[in-house]
Amino acid sequence: MQYPRISASHRELEVLYLLAHENTTKEIASQLNLSMETIKSHRKNLMRKWNVKNVAGLVRRGFELGQLEVGKSV
């Protein structure tokens, strides 16, 4: 199934990449020097934009949209 490209900010894609690599919200916040609430906001924004219900859905949709690839870094 083809999904339309729905824009995501560079920061949202960084968060997605780190989530896909099994980082916790706390770890991502530390790595990006942001608050945990900011990370949660980026995650929720992506979930809304991509119409998914959880992190597993985000990662799946990231692959479907070509935003994530095996072995590719942000």
Protein backbone atom coordinates (compact mmCIF):
# COMPACT_ATOMS: atom_id res chain seq x y z
CA MET A 1 0.00 0.00 0.00
CA GLN A 2 1.31 3.44 -0.90
CA TYR A 3 1.00 6.22 1.67
CA PRO A 4 1.13 9.90 0.77
CA ARG A 5 4.23 11.70 1.99
CA ILE A 6 3.23 13.57 5.09
CA SER A 7 5.82 16.09 6.14
CA ALA A 8 7.78 15.55 9.30
CA SER A 9 10.30 17.92 10.79
CA HIS A 10 13.96 17.04 10.98
CA ARG A 11 13.65 16.81 14.77
CA GLU A 12 10.62 14.50 14.53
CA LEU A 13 12.63 12.23 12.22
CA GLU A 14 15.56 12.26 14.66
CA VAL A 15 13.19 11.15 17.42
CA LEU A 16 11.73 8.47 15.14
CA TYR A 17 15.20 7.15 14.30
CA LEU A 18 16.16 6.97 17.97
CA LEU A 19 12.87 5.27 18.88
CA ALA A 20 13.47 2.72 16.13
CA HIS A 21 16.83 1.99 17.74
CA GLU A 22 15.19 1.14 21.07
CA ASN A 23 16.01 4.36 22.92
CA THR A 24 13.68 5.42 25.72
CA THR A 25 12.14 8.86 25.94
CA LYS A 26 14.61 9.72 28.70
CA GLU A 27 17.58 8.55 26.62
CA ILE A 28 16.41 10.50 23.57
CA ALA A 29 15.90 13.64 25.65
CA SER A 30 19.43 13.31 27.01
CA GLN A 31 20.99 12.67 23.59
CA LEU A 32 19.21 15.63 21.96
CA ASN A 33 19.50 17.94 24.98
CA LEU A 34 15.72 18.37 25.13
CA SER A 35 13.14 17.79 27.83
CA MET A 36 11.23 14.53 28.04
CA GLU A 37 8.03 16.52 27.43
CA THR A 38 9.45 17.87 24.16
CA ILE A 39 10.31 14.34 23.02
CA LYS A 40 6.79 13.19 23.92
CA SER A 41 5.36 16.09 21.91
CA HIS A 42 7.43 15.18 18.83
CA ARG A 43 6.31 11.55 19.15
CA LYS A 44 2.64 12.51 19.56
CA ASN A 45 2.82 14.92 16.61
CA LEU A 46 4.18 12.18 14.37
CA MET A 47 1.54 9.73 15.60
CA ARG A 48 -1.17 12.24 14.72
CA LYS A 49 0.32 13.14 11.32
CA TRP A 50 0.82 9.50 10.35
CA ASN A 51 -2.41 8.26 11.93
CA VAL A 52 -0.85 5.55 14.10
CA LYS A 53 -1.59 4.50 17.68
CA ASN A 54 1.77 3.59 19.17
CA VAL A 55 5.54 3.55 18.69
CA ALA A 56 5.42 0.24 16.82
CA GLY A 57 3.05 1.89 14.34
CA LEU A 58 5.39 4.87 14.02
CA VAL A 59 8.33 2.63 13.18
CA ARG A 60 6.27 0.59 10.71
CA ARG A 61 4.98 3.74 8.99
CA GLY A 62 8.51 5.17 8.95
CA PHE A 63 9.59 2.19 6.87
CA GLU A 64 6.48 2.37 4.69
CA LEU A 65 7.14 6.06 3.96
CA GLY A 66 10.84 5.50 3.31
CA GLN A 67 11.85 7.61 6.31
CA LEU A 68 13.56 4.61 7.93
CA GLU A 69 15.79 2.10 6.19
CA VAL A 70 17.80 -0.80 7.53
CA GLY A 71 21.31 0.47 8.23
CA LYS A 72 20.51 4.12 7.42
CA SER A 73 21.20 6.89 9.93
CA VAL A 74 19.64 10.34 10.19
